[in-house]
């Protein structure tokens, strides 16, 4: 079975296909950048909250969620 990315695009539809691929690439990179920024912000907020003993039950899960977002954005 062939993958949809391996299919041949007709010559007349190639400009539309190229613009579509460029748009998806730009949106993919913007989503990754947003995920990285949110992950770093959540990690910083979680560590800051976890420094107080009272906020540790909230800060530790928040920091770990930020770390997981960061890992997801990078890989």
C-alpha atoms as a PDB file:
ATOM      1  CA  UNK A   1       0.000   0.000   0.000  1.00  0.00           C
ATOM      2  CA  UNK A   2       1.304   3.462  -0.790  1.00  0.00           C
ATOM      3  CA  UNK A   3       1.425   6.288   1.694  1.00  0.00           C
ATOM      4  CA  UNK A   4      -0.424   9.509   0.869  1.00  0.00           C
ATOM      5  CA  UNK A   5       2.854  11.470   0.892  1.00  0.00           C
ATOM      6  CA  UNK A   6       4.333   9.127  -1.731  1.00  0.00           C
ATOM      7  CA  UNK A   7       1.534   9.678  -4.245  1.00  0.00           C
ATOM      8  CA  UNK A   8       2.295  11.538  -7.419  1.00  0.00           C
ATOM      9  CA  UNK A   9       0.807  15.002  -7.822  1.00  0.00           C
ATOM     10  CA  UNK A  10      -0.383  16.034 -11.300  1.00  0.00           C
ATOM     11  CA  UNK A  11       1.633  18.831 -12.881  1.00  0.00           C
ATOM     12  CA  UNK A  12      -1.299  21.248 -12.953  1.00  0.00           C
ATOM     13  CA  UNK A  13      -1.966  20.808  -9.230  1.00  0.00           C
ATOM     14  CA  UNK A  14       1.678  21.059  -8.185  1.00  0.00           C
ATOM     15  CA  UNK A  15       1.601  24.803  -7.242  1.00  0.00           C
ATOM     16  CA  UNK A  16      -1.404  24.258  -4.955  1.00  0.00           C
ATOM     17  CA  UNK A  17       0.253  21.203  -3.447  1.00  0.00           C
ATOM     18  CA  UNK A  18       3.492  23.142  -2.845  1.00  0.00           C
ATOM     19  CA  UNK A  19       1.659  26.017  -1.143  1.00  0.00           C
ATOM     20  CA  UNK A  20      -0.267  23.544   1.008  1.00  0.00           C
ATOM     21  CA  UNK A  21       2.923  21.765   2.072  1.00  0.00           C
ATOM     22  CA  UNK A  22       4.574  25.112   2.924  1.00  0.00           C
ATOM     23  CA  UNK A  23       1.557  26.163   4.980  1.00  0.00           C
ATOM     24  CA  UNK A  24       1.506  22.891   6.921  1.00  0.00           C
ATOM     25  CA  UNK A  25       5.253  23.181   7.572  1.00  0.00           C
ATOM     26  CA  UNK A  26       4.883  26.734   8.918  1.00  0.00           C
ATOM     27  CA  UNK A  27       1.946  25.765  11.145  1.00  0.00           C
ATOM     28  CA  UNK A  28       3.808  22.700  12.405  1.00  0.00           C
ATOM     29  CA  UNK A  29       6.853  24.756  13.375  1.00  0.00           C
ATOM     30  CA  UNK A  30       4.697  27.440  15.028  1.00  0.00           C
ATOM     31  CA  UNK A  31       2.910  24.761  17.045  1.00  0.00           C
ATOM     32  CA  UNK A  32       6.187  23.258  18.174  1.00  0.00           C
ATOM     33  CA  UNK A  33       7.538  26.670  19.188  1.00  0.00           C
ATOM     34  CA  UNK A  34       4.371  27.414  21.161  1.00  0.00           C
ATOM     35  CA  UNK A  35       4.613  24.021  22.854  1.00  0.00           C
ATOM     36  CA  UNK A  36       8.227  24.688  23.842  1.00  0.00           C
ATOM     37  CA  UNK A  37       7.378  28.111  25.271  1.00  0.00           C
ATOM     38  CA  UNK A  38       4.411  26.754  27.219  1.00  0.00           C
ATOM     39  CA  UNK A  39       6.509  23.882  28.531  1.00  0.00           C
ATOM     40  CA  UNK A  40       9.272  26.167  29.756  1.00  0.00           C
ATOM     41  CA  UNK A  41       6.770  28.555  31.346  1.00  0.00           C
ATOM     42  CA  UNK A  42       4.940  25.708  33.094  1.00  0.00           C
ATOM     43  CA  UNK A  43       8.212  24.243  34.344  1.00  0.00           C
ATOM     44  CA  UNK A  44       9.307  27.614  35.710  1.00  0.00           C
ATOM     45  CA  UNK A  45       5.947  28.206  37.388  1.00  0.00           C
ATOM     46  CA  UNK A  46       5.900  24.678  38.806  1.00  0.00           C
ATOM     47  CA  UNK A  47       9.383  24.955  40.272  1.00  0.00           C
ATOM     48  CA  UNK A  48       8.571  28.365  41.719  1.00  0.00           C
ATOM     49  CA  UNK A  49       5.373  27.078  43.321  1.00  0.00           C
ATOM     50  CA  UNK A  50       7.105  23.905  44.532  1.00  0.00           C
ATOM     51  CA  UNK A  51       9.722  25.924  46.410  1.00  0.00           C
ATOM     52  CA  UNK A  52       7.110  26.656  49.021  1.00  0.00           C
ATOM     53  CA  UNK A  53       6.253  23.568  51.021  1.00  0.00           C
ATOM     54  CA  UNK A  54       2.523  24.312  50.875  1.00  0.00           C
ATOM     55  CA  UNK A  55       2.490  24.598  47.077  1.00  0.00           C
ATOM     56  CA  UNK A  56       4.501  21.435  46.425  1.00  0.00           C
ATOM     57  CA  UNK A  57       1.455  19.226  45.668  1.00  0.00           C
ATOM     58  CA  UNK A  58       0.511  21.630  42.874  1.00  0.00           C
ATOM     59  CA  UNK A  59       3.986  22.708  41.749  1.00  0.00           C
ATOM     60  CA  UNK A  60       5.517  19.278  41.179  1.00  0.00           C
ATOM     61  CA  UNK A  61       2.774  18.032  38.794  1.00  0.00           C
ATOM     62  CA  UNK A  62       2.818  21.395  37.011  1.00  0.00           C
ATOM     63  CA  UNK A  63       6.588  21.204  36.496  1.00  0.00           C
ATOM     64  CA  UNK A  64       6.362  17.607  35.297  1.00  0.00           C
ATOM     65  CA  UNK A  65       3.581  18.511  32.841  1.00  0.00           C
ATOM     66  CA  UNK A  66       5.753  21.332  31.520  1.00  0.00           C
ATOM     67  CA  UNK A  67       8.652  18.908  31.115  1.00  0.00           C
ATOM     68  CA  UNK A  68       6.446  16.483  29.195  1.00  0.00           C
ATOM     69  CA  UNK A  69       5.269  19.294  26.904  1.00  0.00           C
ATOM     70  CA  UNK A  70       8.879  20.250  26.267  1.00  0.00           C
ATOM     71  CA  UNK A  71       9.848  16.659  25.458  1.00  0.00           C
ATOM     72  CA  UNK A  72       6.836  16.323  23.138  1.00  0.00           C
ATOM     73  CA  UNK A  73       7.788  19.480  21.267  1.00  0.00           C
ATOM     74  CA  UNK A  74      11.396  18.417  20.780  1.00  0.00           C
ATOM     75  CA  UNK A  75      10.733  14.849  19.693  1.00  0.00           C
END
